[in-house]
Amino acid sequence: MAKKIIGNLKLRIPAGRATAGPPVGSTLGQWGLNMMDFINPFNDATKDLMGKDVIVHMQVFEDRTFAWKSLGQPVDDAIREKIGIKKGSGKPHAEKVGSITRAQLAEIAEAKKDLLNAIDEEGRIKTIAGTARSMGVEVVE
């Protein structure tokens, strides 16, 4: 019989540097979870992404156990890193903050291929391009 889920958590954690302090400790502590059962495996699994933030989805079960899945670096962070900007535009359709090429979009789409809700590569590229446009980044060919 499947365990009953009592909570779904979404965390943004620096890769390879999770600690018992905030945001991990305070969030897991609220649910009565053993932090070290998450911190050590997370740090081992994400040490190759050191210096980047990672999105983690966690399911908390009734018996105070949990399951987690790392989704890797967020798409907006990958876009900012790829084109070298600090942040997106506050007025994305009026003020552009940079431009990104289709080749750069394809690189990001390839890295996120298992996590995007798209049928083929073209759909993944369009999804990434939409995120870029909403950040005020111009998509060029």
N, C-alpha and C. Protein backbone atom coordinates (compact mmCIF):
# COMPACT_ATOMS: atom_id res chain seq x y z
N MET A 1 0.83 -1.18 0.00
CA MET A 1 0.00 0.00 0.00
C MET A 1 0.88 1.25 0.00
N ALA A 2 0.50 2.25 -0.77
CA ALA A 2 1.28 3.48 -0.88
C ALA A 2 1.17 4.31 0.39
N LYS A 3 2.24 5.02 0.68
CA LYS A 3 2.25 5.89 1.85
C LYS A 3 1.42 7.14 1.57
N LYS A 4 0.79 7.67 2.60
CA LYS A 4 0.00 8.87 2.44
C LYS A 4 0.92 10.09 2.46
N ILE A 5 0.77 10.94 1.45
CA ILE A 5 1.57 12.16 1.34
C ILE A 5 0.90 13.26 2.16
N ILE A 6 1.66 13.88 3.06
CA ILE A 6 1.10 14.97 3.87
C ILE A 6 1.66 16.33 3.48
N GLY A 7 2.66 16.35 2.59
CA GLY A 7 3.21 17.63 2.17
C GLY A 7 4.04 17.52 0.92
N ASN A 8 3.99 18.56 0.09
CA ASN A 8 4.84 18.69 -1.09
C ASN A 8 5.63 19.97 -0.92
N LEU A 9 6.95 19.87 -0.93
CA LEU A 9 7.82 21.02 -0.71
C LEU A 9 8.62 21.31 -1.97
N LYS A 10 8.87 22.59 -2.21
CA LYS A 10 9.75 23.01 -3.29
C LYS A 10 10.81 23.90 -2.65
N LEU A 11 12.06 23.54 -2.84
CA LEU A 11 13.17 24.27 -2.24
C LEU A 11 14.15 24.69 -3.32
N ARG A 12 14.80 25.83 -3.11
CA ARG A 12 15.89 26.29 -3.97
C ARG A 12 17.12 26.34 -3.08
N ILE A 13 18.06 25.45 -3.35
CA ILE A 13 19.20 25.24 -2.47
C ILE A 13 20.50 25.36 -3.27
N PRO A 14 21.54 25.97 -2.71
CA PRO A 14 22.85 25.98 -3.38
C PRO A 14 23.38 24.56 -3.53
N ALA A 15 23.77 24.19 -4.72
CA ALA A 15 24.23 22.82 -5.00
C ALA A 15 25.46 22.48 -4.18
N GLY A 16 25.43 21.31 -3.56
CA GLY A 16 26.56 20.80 -2.80
C GLY A 16 26.83 21.50 -1.49
N ARG A 17 25.98 22.48 -1.11
CA ARG A 17 26.23 23.24 0.11
C ARG A 17 25.01 23.31 1.02
N ALA A 18 24.18 22.30 1.03
CA ALA A 18 23.03 22.29 1.94
C ALA A 18 23.54 22.10 3.37
N THR A 19 22.95 22.85 4.29
CA THR A 19 23.32 22.76 5.70
C THR A 19 22.05 22.65 6.53
N ALA A 20 22.23 22.42 7.82
CA ALA A 20 21.08 22.33 8.71
C ALA A 20 20.47 23.70 9.01
N GLY A 21 21.09 24.76 8.52
CA GLY A 21 20.54 26.11 8.68
C GLY A 21 19.51 26.39 7.60
N PRO A 22 18.97 27.61 7.62
CA PRO A 22 17.98 27.98 6.60
C PRO A 22 18.58 27.92 5.20
N PRO A 23 17.84 27.60 4.17
CA PRO A 23 16.41 27.31 4.12
C PRO A 23 16.08 25.84 4.41
N VAL A 24 17.08 24.96 4.36
CA VAL A 24 16.83 23.53 4.50
C VAL A 24 16.36 23.17 5.90
N GLY A 25 17.13 23.57 6.91
CA GLY A 25 16.84 23.18 8.28
C GLY A 25 15.49 23.66 8.77
N SER A 26 15.19 24.92 8.50
CA SER A 26 13.92 25.47 9.00
C SER A 26 12.72 24.82 8.30
N THR A 27 12.87 24.51 7.02
CA THR A 27 11.76 23.90 6.28
C THR A 27 11.54 22.45 6.70
N LEU A 28 12.61 21.68 6.75
CA LEU A 28 12.47 20.27 7.12
C LEU A 28 12.10 20.11 8.59
N GLY A 29 12.57 21.01 9.43
CA GLY A 29 12.24 20.95 10.85
C GLY A 29 10.75 21.13 11.10
N GLN A 30 10.09 21.95 10.31
CA GLN A 30 8.65 22.16 10.46
C GLN A 30 7.86 20.88 10.24
N TRP A 31 8.42 20.00 9.42
CA TRP A 31 7.74 18.74 9.11
C TRP A 31 8.22 17.59 9.98
N GLY A 32 9.17 17.85 10.87
CA GLY A 32 9.69 16.82 11.76
C GLY A 32 10.56 15.80 11.07
N LEU A 33 11.27 16.22 10.03
CA LEU A 33 12.11 15.31 9.26
C LEU A 33 13.55 15.34 9.74
N ASN A 34 14.26 14.24 9.57
CA ASN A 34 15.68 14.18 9.90
C ASN A 34 16.45 14.88 8.79
N MET A 35 17.05 16.00 9.10
CA MET A 35 17.72 16.82 8.09
C MET A 35 18.91 16.12 7.45
N MET A 36 19.67 15.39 8.24
CA MET A 36 20.88 14.77 7.72
C MET A 36 20.56 13.65 6.72
N ASP A 37 19.37 13.06 6.81
CA ASP A 37 18.96 12.07 5.82
C ASP A 37 18.76 12.70 4.45
N PHE A 38 18.57 14.01 4.41
CA PHE A 38 18.46 14.72 3.14
C PHE A 38 19.77 15.41 2.77
N ILE A 39 20.40 16.08 3.71
CA ILE A 39 21.55 16.93 3.42
C ILE A 39 22.71 16.16 2.81
N ASN A 40 23.11 15.05 3.41
CA ASN A 40 24.26 14.30 2.90
C ASN A 40 24.03 13.75 1.49
N PRO A 41 22.90 13.07 1.21
CA PRO A 41 22.68 12.60 -0.17
C PRO A 41 22.55 13.75 -1.18
N PHE A 42 21.93 14.84 -0.76
CA PHE A 42 21.78 16.00 -1.66
C PHE A 42 23.14 16.56 -2.03
N ASN A 43 23.99 16.79 -1.03
CA ASN A 43 25.31 17.35 -1.29
C ASN A 43 26.13 16.44 -2.20
N ASP A 44 26.04 15.13 -1.99
CA ASP A 44 26.76 14.19 -2.86
C ASP A 44 26.23 14.22 -4.28
N ALA A 45 24.92 14.29 -4.43
CA ALA A 45 24.30 14.25 -5.76
C ALA A 45 24.52 15.52 -6.56
N THR A 46 24.73 16.65 -5.88
CA THR A 46 24.81 17.93 -6.59
C THR A 46 26.19 18.57 -6.55
N LYS A 47 27.21 17.84 -6.12
CA LYS A 47 28.54 18.45 -6.02
C LYS A 47 29.10 18.88 -7.37
N ASP A 48 28.64 18.29 -8.47
CA ASP A 48 29.11 18.68 -9.80
C ASP A 48 28.50 20.01 -10.27
N LEU A 49 27.45 20.48 -9.61
CA LEU A 49 26.81 21.77 -9.95
C LEU A 49 27.21 22.87 -8.96
N MET A 50 28.29 22.68 -8.23
CA MET A 50 28.71 23.60 -7.18
C MET A 50 28.72 25.06 -7.68
N GLY A 51 28.17 25.95 -6.88
CA GLY A 51 28.10 27.36 -7.22
C GLY A 51 26.80 27.77 -7.87
N LYS A 52 25.94 26.82 -8.16
CA LYS A 52 24.64 27.12 -8.79
C LYS A 52 23.54 26.73 -7.82
N ASP A 53 22.38 27.35 -7.98
CA ASP A 53 21.21 26.95 -7.19
C ASP A 53 20.53 25.78 -7.89
N VAL A 54 19.90 24.93 -7.09
CA VAL A 54 19.21 23.76 -7.61
C VAL A 54 17.79 23.74 -7.05
N ILE A 55 16.83 23.39 -7.89
CA ILE A 55 15.45 23.25 -7.44
C ILE A 55 15.24 21.80 -6.99
N VAL A 56 14.62 21.63 -5.81
CA VAL A 56 14.36 20.31 -5.26
C VAL A 56 12.88 20.20 -4.96
N HIS A 57 12.25 19.12 -5.43
CA HIS A 57 10.86 18.81 -5.08
C HIS A 57 10.89 17.65 -4.09
N MET A 58 10.19 17.82 -2.98
CA MET A 58 10.21 16.82 -1.93
C MET A 58 8.78 16.46 -1.54
N GLN A 59 8.54 15.17 -1.36
CA GLN A 59 7.26 14.69 -0.85
C GLN A 59 7.47 14.19 0.57
N VAL A 60 6.63 14.66 1.49
CA VAL A 60 6.71 14.24 2.88
C VAL A 60 5.56 13.27 3.13
N PHE A 61 5.89 12.12 3.72
CA PHE A 61 4.90 11.09 3.98
C PHE A 61 4.45 11.10 5.43
N GLU A 62 3.34 10.46 5.68
CA GLU A 62 2.71 10.43 7.00
C GLU A 62 3.62 9.89 8.09
N ASP A 63 4.49 8.94 7.77
CA ASP A 63 5.38 8.35 8.77
C ASP A 63 6.69 9.13 8.94
N ARG A 64 6.72 10.38 8.49
CA ARG A 64 7.85 11.31 8.61
C ARG A 64 9.06 10.89 7.77
N THR A 65 8.81 10.14 6.72
CA THR A 65 9.85 9.87 5.74
C THR A 65 9.59 10.77 4.55
N PHE A 66 10.51 10.76 3.60
CA PHE A 66 10.35 11.66 2.45
C PHE A 66 11.04 11.08 1.23
N ALA A 67 10.67 11.61 0.08
CA ALA A 67 11.32 11.31 -1.19
C ALA A 67 11.61 12.64 -1.86
N TRP A 68 12.76 12.76 -2.50
CA TRP A 68 13.10 14.03 -3.14
C TRP A 68 13.66 13.79 -4.53
N LYS A 69 13.53 14.84 -5.36
CA LYS A 69 14.03 14.80 -6.73
C LYS A 69 14.64 16.16 -7.04
N SER A 70 15.85 16.15 -7.54
CA SER A 70 16.53 17.38 -7.93
C SER A 70 16.20 17.69 -9.39
N LEU A 71 15.77 18.93 -9.64
CA LEU A 71 15.42 19.35 -11.00
C LEU A 71 16.55 20.12 -11.67
N GLY A 72 17.67 20.27 -11.00
CA GLY A 72 18.80 20.97 -11.60
C GLY A 72 18.63 22.48 -11.52
N GLN A 73 19.47 23.16 -12.28
CA GLN A 73 19.49 24.63 -12.29
C GLN A 73 18.22 25.16 -12.96
N PRO A 74 17.60 26.19 -12.36
CA PRO A 74 16.42 26.79 -12.99
C PRO A 74 16.75 27.39 -14.36
N VAL A 75 15.78 27.39 -15.26
CA VAL A 75 15.98 27.88 -16.62
C VAL A 75 16.38 29.36 -16.62
N ASP A 76 15.77 30.18 -15.78
CA ASP A 76 16.11 31.60 -15.77
C ASP A 76 17.56 31.82 -15.35
N ASP A 77 18.06 31.02 -14.42
CA ASP A 77 19.46 31.12 -14.02
C ASP A 77 20.37 30.73 -15.18
N ALA A 78 20.01 29.68 -15.91
CA ALA A 78 20.81 29.23 -17.04
C ALA A 78 20.86 30.30 -18.13
N ILE A 79 19.75 30.97 -18.38
CA ILE A 79 19.71 32.04 -19.39
C ILE A 79 20.60 33.20 -18.95
N ARG A 80 20.46 33.62 -17.69
CA ARG A 80 21.29 34.73 -17.20
C ARG A 80 22.77 34.38 -17.27
N GLU A 81 23.12 33.16 -16.91
CA GLU A 81 24.51 32.72 -16.96
C GLU A 81 25.03 32.68 -18.39
N LYS A 82 24.20 32.19 -19.31
CA LYS A 82 24.60 32.02 -20.71
C LYS A 82 24.90 33.36 -21.39
N ILE A 83 24.10 34.40 -21.07
CA ILE A 83 24.30 35.68 -21.76
C ILE A 83 25.00 36.72 -20.89
N GLY A 84 25.29 36.37 -19.65
CA GLY A 84 26.09 37.25 -18.80
C GLY A 84 25.38 38.47 -18.24
N ILE A 85 24.14 38.30 -17.79
CA ILE A 85 23.43 39.42 -17.15
C ILE A 85 23.15 39.05 -15.70
N LYS A 86 22.94 40.06 -14.87
CA LYS A 86 22.68 39.82 -13.45
C LYS A 86 21.22 39.55 -13.15
N LYS A 87 20.31 40.23 -13.88
CA LYS A 87 18.89 40.01 -13.66
C LYS A 87 18.10 40.36 -14.91
N GLY A 88 16.87 39.91 -14.95
CA GLY A 88 15.99 40.20 -16.07
C GLY A 88 15.44 41.62 -15.99
N SER A 89 14.64 41.98 -16.97
CA SER A 89 14.07 43.32 -17.04
C SER A 89 12.82 43.42 -16.18
N GLY A 90 12.61 44.59 -15.57
CA GLY A 90 11.38 44.85 -14.83
C GLY A 90 10.21 45.10 -15.76
N LYS A 91 10.51 45.52 -16.98
CA LYS A 91 9.50 45.75 -18.02
C LYS A 91 9.94 44.97 -19.26
N PRO A 92 9.69 43.67 -19.29
CA PRO A 92 10.28 42.82 -20.32
C PRO A 92 9.90 43.15 -21.76
N HIS A 93 8.72 43.70 -21.99
CA HIS A 93 8.33 43.98 -23.37
C HIS A 93 8.75 45.38 -23.81
N ALA A 94 9.16 46.22 -22.88
CA ALA A 94 9.57 47.58 -23.21
C ALA A 94 11.09 47.75 -23.13
N GLU A 95 11.72 47.14 -22.14
CA GLU A 95 13.17 47.30 -21.94
C GLU A 95 13.85 45.94 -22.08
N LYS A 96 14.72 45.83 -23.06
CA LYS A 96 15.46 44.58 -23.29
C LYS A 96 16.80 44.67 -22.55
N VAL A 97 17.21 43.55 -21.96
CA VAL A 97 18.45 43.54 -21.18
C VAL A 97 19.57 42.75 -21.86
N GLY A 98 19.26 42.10 -22.97
CA GLY A 98 20.27 41.33 -23.68
C GLY A 98 19.63 40.52 -24.78
N SER A 99 20.44 39.70 -25.42
CA SER A 99 19.92 38.84 -26.49
C SER A 99 20.54 37.46 -26.36
N ILE A 100 19.82 36.47 -26.86
CA ILE A 100 20.26 35.08 -26.81
C ILE A 100 20.03 34.46 -28.18
N THR A 101 20.95 33.62 -28.61
CA THR A 101 20.83 32.99 -29.93
C THR A 101 20.10 31.66 -29.82
N ARG A 102 19.66 31.18 -30.96
CA ARG A 102 18.97 29.89 -31.01
C ARG A 102 19.90 28.76 -30.57
N ALA A 103 21.19 28.87 -30.88
CA ALA A 103 22.16 27.85 -30.47
C ALA A 103 22.28 27.80 -28.95
N GLN A 104 22.28 28.96 -28.32
CA GLN A 104 22.35 29.00 -26.86
C GLN A 104 21.07 28.43 -26.24
N LEU A 105 19.92 28.72 -26.85
CA LEU A 105 18.66 28.15 -26.38
C LEU A 105 18.69 26.63 -26.51
N ALA A 106 19.26 26.13 -27.60
CA ALA A 106 19.33 24.68 -27.81
C ALA A 106 20.22 24.02 -26.76
N GLU A 107 21.31 24.68 -26.35
CA GLU A 107 22.17 24.13 -25.30
C GLU A 107 21.42 24.01 -23.98
N ILE A 108 20.67 25.04 -23.63
CA ILE A 108 19.90 25.01 -22.39
C ILE A 108 18.81 23.95 -22.47
N ALA A 109 18.13 23.87 -23.62
CA ALA A 109 17.07 22.88 -23.81
C ALA A 109 17.62 21.46 -23.71
N GLU A 110 18.81 21.23 -24.21
CA GLU A 110 19.43 19.91 -24.13
C GLU A 110 19.72 19.54 -22.68
N ALA A 111 20.18 20.51 -21.90
CA ALA A 111 20.48 20.25 -20.49
C ALA A 111 19.21 19.95 -19.69
N LYS A 112 18.08 20.54 -20.09
CA LYS A 112 16.83 20.38 -19.36
C LYS A 112 15.86 19.42 -20.04
N LYS A 113 16.33 18.63 -21.01
CA LYS A 113 15.42 17.83 -21.85
C LYS A 113 14.54 16.86 -21.08
N ASP A 114 15.02 16.29 -19.99
CA ASP A 114 14.21 15.33 -19.25
C ASP A 114 13.19 16.00 -18.33
N LEU A 115 13.30 17.30 -18.14
CA LEU A 115 12.47 17.98 -17.17
C LEU A 115 11.42 18.90 -17.79
N LEU A 116 11.53 19.16 -19.09
CA LEU A 116 10.59 20.07 -19.74
C LEU A 116 9.40 19.29 -20.30
N ASN A 117 8.26 19.94 -20.30
CA ASN A 117 7.04 19.33 -20.80
C ASN A 117 6.90 19.66 -22.30
N ALA A 118 7.73 19.00 -23.10
CA ALA A 118 7.69 19.21 -24.54
C ALA A 118 7.94 17.87 -25.25
N ILE A 119 7.37 17.72 -26.43
CA ILE A 119 7.46 16.46 -27.16
C ILE A 119 8.81 16.31 -27.85
N ASP A 120 9.29 17.38 -28.46
CA ASP A 120 10.53 17.29 -29.23
C ASP A 120 11.45 18.46 -28.91
N GLU A 121 12.60 18.49 -29.59
CA GLU A 121 13.59 19.53 -29.34
C GLU A 121 13.05 20.93 -29.67
N GLU A 122 12.31 21.03 -30.74
CA GLU A 122 11.75 22.33 -31.14
C GLU A 122 10.82 22.87 -30.05
N GLY A 123 10.02 22.02 -29.46
CA GLY A 123 9.13 22.43 -28.37
C GLY A 123 9.91 22.88 -27.15
N ARG A 124 11.01 22.17 -26.84
CA ARG A 124 11.85 22.56 -25.70
C ARG A 124 12.48 23.92 -25.94
N ILE A 125 12.96 24.15 -27.16
CA ILE A 125 13.57 25.44 -27.49
C ILE A 125 12.55 26.56 -27.38
N LYS A 126 11.33 26.32 -27.85
CA LYS A 126 10.28 27.34 -27.76
C LYS A 126 9.94 27.65 -26.30
N THR A 127 9.94 26.64 -25.45
CA THR A 127 9.67 26.84 -24.03
C THR A 127 10.75 27.72 -23.40
N ILE A 128 12.01 27.42 -23.68
CA ILE A 128 13.12 28.20 -23.14
C ILE A 128 13.07 29.63 -23.70
N ALA A 129 12.74 29.77 -24.99
CA ALA A 129 12.64 31.09 -25.61
C ALA A 129 11.55 31.93 -24.95
N GLY A 130 10.45 31.31 -24.59
CA GLY A 130 9.38 32.02 -23.90
C GLY A 130 9.82 32.53 -22.55
N THR A 131 10.59 31.73 -21.83
CA THR A 131 11.13 32.19 -20.55
C THR A 131 12.07 33.36 -20.77
N ALA A 132 12.90 33.28 -21.79
CA ALA A 132 13.85 34.36 -22.09
C ALA A 132 13.10 35.65 -22.42
N ARG A 133 12.05 35.55 -23.24
CA ARG A 133 11.29 36.75 -23.60
C ARG A 133 10.63 37.37 -22.37
N SER A 134 10.15 36.54 -21.46
CA SER A 134 9.49 37.06 -20.27
C SER A 134 10.48 37.71 -19.30
N MET A 135 11.77 37.48 -19.53
CA MET A 135 12.82 38.11 -18.73
C MET A 135 13.32 39.40 -19.38
N GLY A 136 12.85 39.69 -20.57
CA GLY A 136 13.32 40.87 -21.29
C GLY A 136 14.54 40.59 -22.13
N VAL A 137 14.75 39.35 -22.49
CA VAL A 137 15.88 38.94 -23.32
C VAL A 137 15.36 38.72 -24.74
N GLU A 138 16.00 39.36 -25.70
CA GLU A 138 15.59 39.25 -27.09
C GLU A 138 16.15 37.94 -27.69
N VAL A 139 15.29 37.21 -28.40
CA VAL A 139 15.72 35.97 -29.04
C VAL A 139 16.08 36.29 -30.49
N VAL A 140 17.34 36.01 -30.87
CA VAL A 140 17.81 36.29 -32.23
C VAL A 140 18.23 34.98 -32.88
N GLU A 141 18.21 34.96 -34.20
CA GLU A 141 18.60 33.74 -34.94
C GLU A 141 20.08 33.62 -35.11
